[in-house]
Protein backbone atom coordinates (compact mmCIF):
# COMPACT_ATOMS: atom_id res chain seq x y z
CA UNK A 1 23.65 -9.10 12.79
CA UNK A 2 26.58 -7.01 11.57
CA UNK A 3 26.02 -3.30 10.99
CA UNK A 4 27.50 -2.44 7.61
CA UNK A 5 28.37 1.22 8.27
CA UNK A 6 28.88 3.43 5.22
CA UNK A 7 30.52 6.81 4.77
CA UNK A 8 30.58 9.35 1.97
CA UNK A 9 27.76 11.08 0.17
CA UNK A 10 24.75 8.77 -0.04
CA UNK A 11 23.93 9.75 -3.60
CA UNK A 12 20.70 8.34 -4.99
CA UNK A 13 18.27 9.10 -7.83
CA UNK A 14 16.55 12.43 -7.26
CA UNK A 15 13.01 13.24 -6.13
CA UNK A 16 12.02 16.66 -7.44
CA UNK A 17 8.74 18.59 -7.33
CA UNK A 18 8.28 21.60 -9.59
CA UNK A 19 5.19 23.58 -8.62
CA UNK A 20 4.17 26.74 -10.40
CA UNK A 21 1.64 29.10 -11.85
CA UNK A 22 -0.52 28.27 -14.84
CA UNK A 23 1.34 28.60 -18.11
CA UNK A 24 4.72 29.32 -16.56
CA UNK A 25 6.35 26.42 -18.43
CA UNK A 26 6.44 23.45 -16.05
CA UNK A 27 5.93 20.86 -18.79
CA UNK A 28 8.47 22.55 -21.07
CA UNK A 29 11.00 22.56 -18.23
CA UNK A 30 10.54 18.85 -17.49
CA UNK A 31 10.46 17.91 -21.19
CA UNK A 32 14.01 19.28 -21.41
CA UNK A 33 15.16 16.61 -18.95
CA UNK A 34 17.26 14.08 -20.90
CA UNK A 35 15.61 10.65 -21.09
CA UNK A 36 12.33 11.67 -19.41
CA UNK A 37 9.17 9.59 -19.74
CA UNK A 38 5.95 11.46 -18.87
CA UNK A 39 3.09 9.71 -17.09
CA UNK A 40 0.42 12.25 -17.84
CA UNK A 41 -3.32 12.76 -17.65
CA UNK A 42 -3.08 16.20 -19.25
CA UNK A 43 -2.71 17.54 -22.75
CA UNK A 44 -0.50 20.47 -21.86
CA UNK A 45 2.52 19.71 -24.02
CA UNK A 46 1.47 21.80 -27.01
CA UNK A 47 3.98 21.32 -29.81
CA UNK A 48 6.55 19.67 -27.53
CA UNK A 49 7.98 16.35 -28.72
CA UNK A 50 8.49 14.12 -25.67
CA UNK A 51 7.98 10.50 -24.60
CA UNK A 52 4.72 10.01 -22.72
CA UNK A 53 2.19 7.47 -21.51
CA UNK A 54 -1.39 8.70 -21.21
CA UNK A 55 -2.90 7.67 -17.88
CA UNK A 56 -6.56 8.61 -17.95
CA UNK A 57 -7.31 7.23 -14.46
CA UNK A 58 -5.64 6.73 -11.11
CA UNK A 59 -5.49 2.99 -11.76
CA UNK A 60 -3.72 3.66 -15.08
CA UNK A 61 -1.02 5.58 -13.22
CA UNK A 62 -0.53 2.84 -10.63
CA UNK A 63 -0.35 0.17 -13.33
CA UNK A 64 2.24 2.19 -15.25
CA UNK A 65 4.41 2.61 -12.14
CA UNK A 66 4.14 -1.12 -11.31
CA UNK A 67 5.22 -1.98 -14.86
CA UNK A 68 8.29 0.25 -14.47
CA UNK A 69 8.99 -1.42 -11.11
CA UNK A 70 9.11 -4.83 -12.74
CA UNK A 71 10.72 -4.00 -16.05
CA UNK A 72 12.49 -0.67 -15.68
CA UNK A 73 12.51 1.84 -18.53
CA UNK A 74 13.45 1.23 -22.16
CA UNK A 75 17.02 2.08 -23.15
CA UNK A 76 17.65 5.81 -23.31
CA UNK A 77 15.04 6.72 -20.67
CA UNK A 78 16.34 7.57 -17.20
CA UNK A 79 13.60 9.61 -15.49
CA UNK A 80 9.84 9.64 -15.05
CA UNK A 81 7.72 12.78 -14.86
CA UNK A 82 4.22 12.77 -13.34
CA UNK A 83 2.23 15.56 -14.97
CA UNK A 84 0.53 16.71 -12.80
CA UNK A 85 0.24 15.14 -9.35
CA UNK A 86 -2.67 17.40 -8.37
CA UNK A 87 -4.62 16.32 -11.46
CA UNK A 88 -4.03 12.70 -10.51
CA UNK A 89 -5.33 13.50 -7.04
CA UNK A 90 -8.64 14.53 -8.65
CA UNK A 91 -8.72 11.23 -10.56
CA UNK A 92 -8.03 9.38 -7.31
CA UNK A 93 -10.94 11.20 -5.64
CA UNK A 94 -13.15 10.24 -8.57
CA UNK A 95 -12.19 6.57 -8.17
CA UNK A 96 -12.85 6.62 -4.42
CA UNK A 97 -16.20 8.36 -4.92
CA UNK A 98 -17.31 5.80 -7.52
CA UNK A 99 -16.27 2.84 -5.34
CA UNK A 100 -18.11 4.30 -2.35
CA UNK A 101 -21.17 5.09 -4.48
CA UNK A 102 -21.42 8.64 -3.17
CA UNK A 103 -21.27 12.16 -4.60
CA UNK A 104 -18.23 13.87 -3.02
CA UNK A 105 -14.90 12.96 -1.47
CA UNK A 106 -16.20 14.31 1.86
CA UNK A 107 -18.84 11.54 1.93
CA UNK A 108 -16.39 8.67 1.30
CA UNK A 109 -16.13 6.37 4.30
CA UNK A 110 -18.97 8.07 6.13
CA UNK A 111 -17.51 11.55 6.27
CA UNK A 112 -15.39 13.13 9.02
CA UNK A 113 -12.42 13.46 6.66
CA UNK A 114 -12.18 9.72 5.96
CA UNK A 115 -12.23 10.29 2.20
CA UNK A 116 -9.18 12.55 2.41
CA UNK A 117 -7.48 10.01 4.68
CA UNK A 118 -8.04 7.21 2.14
CA UNK A 119 -6.72 9.44 -0.63
CA UNK A 120 -3.62 10.25 1.43
CA UNK A 121 -3.06 6.52 2.05
CA UNK A 122 -3.18 5.87 -1.71
CA UNK A 123 -0.78 8.74 -2.34
CA UNK A 124 1.59 7.36 0.32
CA UNK A 125 1.51 3.97 -1.44
CA UNK A 126 2.38 5.70 -4.73
CA UNK A 127 5.32 7.48 -3.11
CA UNK A 128 6.57 4.12 -1.80
CA UNK A 129 6.26 2.62 -5.29
CA UNK A 130 8.22 5.52 -6.76
CA UNK A 131 10.97 4.94 -4.21
CA UNK A 132 11.13 1.31 -5.30
CA UNK A 133 11.55 2.49 -8.89
CA UNK A 134 14.34 4.85 -7.83
CA UNK A 135 16.30 2.33 -5.79
CA UNK A 136 15.80 -0.68 -7.99
CA UNK A 137 16.44 0.90 -11.39
CA UNK A 138 18.28 4.17 -10.62
CA UNK A 139 15.48 6.30 -12.09
CA UNK A 140 15.03 9.97 -11.21
CA UNK A 141 11.47 11.09 -10.41
CA UNK A 142 9.96 14.52 -11.16
CA UNK A 143 6.48 15.59 -10.07
CA UNK A 144 4.81 18.64 -11.60
CA UNK A 145 2.08 20.48 -9.71
CA UNK A 146 -0.19 23.49 -10.12
CA UNK A 147 -0.51 26.07 -7.37
CA UNK A 148 -3.28 28.29 -6.10
CA UNK A 149 -3.48 31.14 -3.61
CA UNK A 150 -4.67 30.38 -0.09
CA UNK A 151 -4.97 32.59 2.98
CA UNK A 152 -2.43 31.87 5.70
CA UNK A 153 -3.14 32.79 9.30
CA UNK A 154 0.31 33.50 10.66
CA UNK A 155 0.36 32.96 14.46
CA UNK A 156 3.27 35.40 14.70
CA UNK A 157 1.70 38.24 12.75
CA UNK A 158 -1.07 39.36 10.43
CA UNK A 159 -2.70 36.96 7.96
CA UNK A 160 -1.59 36.99 4.34
CA UNK A 161 -2.02 35.06 1.09
CA UNK A 162 0.51 32.57 -0.22
CA UNK A 163 0.92 30.05 -3.03
CA UNK A 164 0.39 26.39 -2.18
CA UNK A 165 0.14 23.19 -4.20
CA UNK A 166 -3.37 22.78 -5.55
CA UNK A 167 -4.03 19.68 -3.46
CA UNK A 168 -5.53 18.73 -0.13
CA UNK A 169 -3.18 20.14 2.50
CA UNK A 170 -2.42 16.72 4.01
CA UNK A 171 -1.45 15.23 0.66
CA UNK A 172 0.59 18.30 -0.28
CA UNK A 173 2.52 17.97 2.99
CA UNK A 174 3.17 14.28 2.27
CA UNK A 175 4.74 15.02 -1.10
CA UNK A 176 6.72 18.01 0.19
CA UNK A 177 8.23 15.82 2.88
CA UNK A 178 9.01 13.06 0.36
CA UNK A 179 10.88 15.23 -2.13
CA UNK A 180 14.58 16.13 -2.06
CA UNK A 181 13.82 19.41 -3.82
CA UNK A 182 10.60 21.40 -3.99
CA UNK A 183 10.91 24.19 -6.54
CA UNK A 184 8.56 27.12 -7.11
CA UNK A 185 8.30 28.46 -10.67
CA UNK A 186 6.73 31.83 -11.40
CA UNK A 187 6.81 34.98 -13.48
CA UNK A 188 9.14 37.57 -11.98
CA UNK A 189 7.68 40.91 -13.06
CA UNK A 190 9.38 44.29 -12.78
CA UNK A 191 6.77 47.04 -12.40
CA UNK A 192 7.67 50.71 -12.80
CA UNK A 193 5.83 53.96 -13.40
CA UNK A 194 7.05 57.24 -14.79
CA UNK A 195 6.01 60.15 -12.56
CA UNK A 196 6.21 63.89 -13.13
CA UNK A 197 9.02 65.07 -15.43
CA UNK A 198 9.89 61.48 -16.28
CA UNK A 199 10.89 60.53 -12.73
CA UNK A 200 10.75 56.74 -12.25
CA UNK A 201 8.90 55.73 -9.12
CA UNK A 202 9.17 52.46 -7.24
CA UNK A 203 6.12 50.25 -7.71
CA UNK A 204 5.45 50.31 -3.95
CA UNK A 205 4.80 54.07 -4.12
CA UNK A 206 1.80 53.84 -6.41
CA UNK A 207 -1.40 51.97 -7.04
CA UNK A 208 -0.75 50.95 -10.63
CA UNK A 209 2.31 50.57 -12.77
CA UNK A 210 3.62 49.16 -16.02
CA UNK A 211 5.34 45.82 -16.37
CA UNK A 212 8.68 46.56 -17.96
CA UNK A 213 10.31 43.14 -17.68
CA UNK A 214 9.01 39.58 -17.21
CA UNK A 215 11.28 36.63 -16.43
CA UNK A 216 10.47 33.00 -15.69
CA UNK A 217 12.37 31.94 -12.58
CA UNK A 218 12.61 29.06 -10.11
CA UNK A 219 12.98 29.61 -6.39
CA UNK A 220 14.60 26.86 -4.32
CA UNK A 221 14.24 28.14 -0.74
CA UNK A 222 11.18 28.76 1.41
CA UNK A 223 9.57 32.20 1.40
CA UNK A 224 6.51 33.68 3.05
CA UNK A 225 4.78 33.66 -0.34
CA UNK A 226 5.45 30.01 -1.26
CA UNK A 227 6.92 26.69 -0.13
CA UNK A 228 10.26 25.57 -1.51
CA UNK A 229 13.25 23.61 -0.26
CA UNK A 230 16.28 21.69 -1.42
CA UNK A 231 18.85 19.37 0.13
CA UNK A 232 21.57 20.11 -2.40
CA UNK A 233 22.77 23.63 -1.62
CA UNK A 234 21.15 25.14 -4.71
CA UNK A 235 21.18 28.91 -5.31
CA UNK A 236 18.04 30.62 -4.01
CA UNK A 237 17.04 31.57 -7.56
CA UNK A 238 17.56 29.93 -10.95
CA UNK A 239 16.20 30.66 -14.42
CA UNK A 240 13.35 28.37 -15.45
CA UNK A 241 15.69 26.32 -17.57
CA UNK A 242 16.35 22.64 -16.95
CA UNK A 243 19.97 22.90 -18.10
CA UNK A 244 20.66 25.50 -15.41
CA UNK A 245 18.99 23.32 -12.77
CA UNK A 246 20.85 20.20 -13.94
CA UNK A 247 24.18 21.99 -13.73
CA UNK A 248 23.45 23.33 -10.24
CA UNK A 249 22.26 20.00 -8.83
CA UNK A 250 24.79 17.88 -10.78
CA UNK A 251 22.01 15.91 -12.49
CA UNK A 252 23.07 12.37 -13.29
CA UNK A 253 26.17 12.43 -11.09
CA UNK A 254 26.42 9.38 -8.87
CA UNK A 255 28.68 8.59 -5.94
CA UNK A 256 28.50 5.19 -4.35
CA UNK A 257 28.63 5.10 -0.55
CA UNK A 258 31.92 3.81 0.79
CA UNK A 259 31.69 0.85 3.20
CA UNK A 260 33.94 0.95 6.23
CA UNK A 261 36.61 -1.73 6.51
CA UNK A 262 35.25 -4.98 7.91
CA UNK A 263 37.13 -4.57 11.18
CA UNK A 264 35.22 -1.31 11.86
CA UNK A 265 31.79 -2.79 11.34
CA UNK A 266 29.72 -3.18 14.50
CA UNK A 267 29.05 -6.84 15.27
CA UNK A 268 25.65 -8.16 16.34
CA UNK A 269 24.26 -11.53 17.16
CA UNK A 270 25.09 -12.97 13.76
CA UNK A 271 22.78 -14.74 11.33
CA UNK A 272 20.34 -17.39 12.43
CA UNK A 273 21.35 -20.85 11.25
CA UNK A 274 18.34 -21.10 8.91
CA UNK A 275 18.83 -17.60 7.40
CA UNK A 276 19.11 -17.79 3.62
CA UNK A 277 21.39 -14.86 2.71
CA UNK A 278 21.15 -15.34 -1.05
CA UNK A 279 17.37 -15.49 -0.83
CA UNK A 280 17.27 -12.34 1.33
CA UNK A 281 19.44 -10.40 -1.14
CA UNK A 282 17.27 -11.50 -4.06
CA UNK A 283 14.00 -10.43 -2.45
CA UNK A 284 15.29 -7.12 -1.09
CA UNK A 285 16.86 -6.23 -4.46
CA UNK A 286 13.53 -6.91 -6.14
CA UNK A 287 11.52 -5.02 -3.51
CA UNK A 288 13.98 -2.14 -3.50
CA UNK A 289 12.69 -0.75 -0.21
CA UNK A 290 13.39 -1.09 3.48
CA UNK A 291 9.69 -0.70 4.29
CA UNK A 292 9.27 -4.49 3.96
CA UNK A 293 11.90 -6.25 6.08
CA UNK A 294 12.97 -9.75 5.14
CA UNK A 295 11.96 -11.38 8.48
CA UNK A 296 8.48 -9.87 8.09
CA UNK A 297 8.40 -11.05 4.49
CA UNK A 298 9.21 -14.63 5.52
CA UNK A 299 6.54 -14.60 8.21
CA UNK A 300 3.99 -13.08 5.83
CA UNK A 301 4.79 -15.68 3.18
CA UNK A 302 4.33 -18.42 5.75
CA UNK A 303 0.92 -17.00 6.71
CA UNK A 304 -0.17 -17.15 3.06
CA UNK A 305 1.46 -20.36 1.86
CA UNK A 306 2.58 -22.22 4.97
CA UNK A 307 6.09 -22.32 3.54
CA UNK A 308 9.29 -20.26 3.45
CA UNK A 309 9.97 -17.97 0.47
CA UNK A 310 12.86 -20.31 -0.43
CA UNK A 311 10.30 -23.09 -1.05
CA UNK A 312 8.78 -21.08 -3.90
CA UNK A 313 9.94 -21.55 -7.46
CA UNK A 314 10.87 -18.49 -9.55
CA UNK A 315 7.29 -18.06 -10.77
CA UNK A 316 6.00 -18.23 -7.20
CA UNK A 317 8.50 -15.63 -6.02
CA UNK A 318 7.51 -13.29 -8.86
CA UNK A 319 3.82 -13.80 -8.08
CA UNK A 320 4.44 -12.92 -4.43
CA UNK A 321 6.34 -9.75 -5.37
CA UNK A 322 3.68 -8.65 -7.82
CA UNK A 323 1.04 -9.20 -5.15
CA UNK A 324 2.98 -7.06 -2.66
CA UNK A 325 3.03 -4.24 -5.21
CA UNK A 326 -0.76 -4.12 -5.50
CA UNK A 327 -3.07 -2.12 -3.17
CA UNK A 328 -4.67 -5.39 -2.00
CA UNK A 329 -1.28 -6.89 -1.23
CA UNK A 330 -0.09 -3.79 0.60
CA UNK A 331 -3.29 -3.74 2.65
CA UNK A 332 -2.91 -7.45 3.45
CA UNK A 333 0.72 -6.98 4.49
CA UNK A 334 -0.15 -3.93 6.62
CA UNK A 335 -2.87 -5.97 8.32
CA UNK A 336 -0.38 -8.76 8.95
CA UNK A 337 2.09 -6.36 10.60
CA UNK A 338 -0.71 -4.90 12.72
CA UNK A 339 -2.27 -8.19 13.81
CA UNK A 340 0.75 -10.47 13.71
CA UNK A 341 0.73 -14.06 12.52
CA UNK A 342 -3.02 -14.30 13.13
CA UNK A 343 -3.67 -12.30 9.93
CA UNK A 344 -4.78 -14.66 7.19
């Protein structure tokens, strides 16, 4: 096959996580995003006027994302906001507990952390679905998350407390790795105290002080007290204002990758005589992800239907795609890749 080498900035729809303290204004920040649709299980919008879909269960969230995969968003909407991902994790745990007919997530699957592993697998499937939405429809994705304080045993020094996403540590790590930008929102408080004869002392010199100034800020780089990162060269600190963030990250700007001239492309073995290029392009455009390769798709289709994807009519193709976007279909496909053509 030919390697179609590309140069230039590989711009793509953004994956952003905003984590922060209770009441700092996460929902308000995301609601200021132009064209945002909230997929929410919370009622934290107050008097805000924003587009939203109430997802009262984990299955509701997955169904909403699958609908967006198939149909995209209505005109005028260009981003989805999940509010909040840690609350949806609790709903996922509840679903797993009910299916396993047990009392806690620790008991799911017989214990030994299997419940958390199953939850992480479901979260990984959601992240893959969100990537399909991004690539297929050009939709930006924002995840909101609460934080809590956890002790951190630093191997290079004394232990200390730090803010972390209010999720199981394995799932939190999955989402942090997935995102292009992980932002930490908090209250920045200036604390001073007036000493003898009106002398102002630094807060570190005393036990108690008075808060003289409170700002809501966003940090974009990792610190000992919290996790944060970005792949866009953002300033270390921004005001908690979506317009400031959008300006810094060039929200909405797109730059298509530039293909190299044909004579510079690396040549491979070439296409197999029976390779249906039009069919491959159609399926991969619909799937929107490289996690399912076309050769594997053809073999999987053959294992299910004893025929090539090209033998399916349009309704059959759509049915196959919809099946691959369900948990059962993903599990079946994963089993096929693990066991080869023997998987039925």
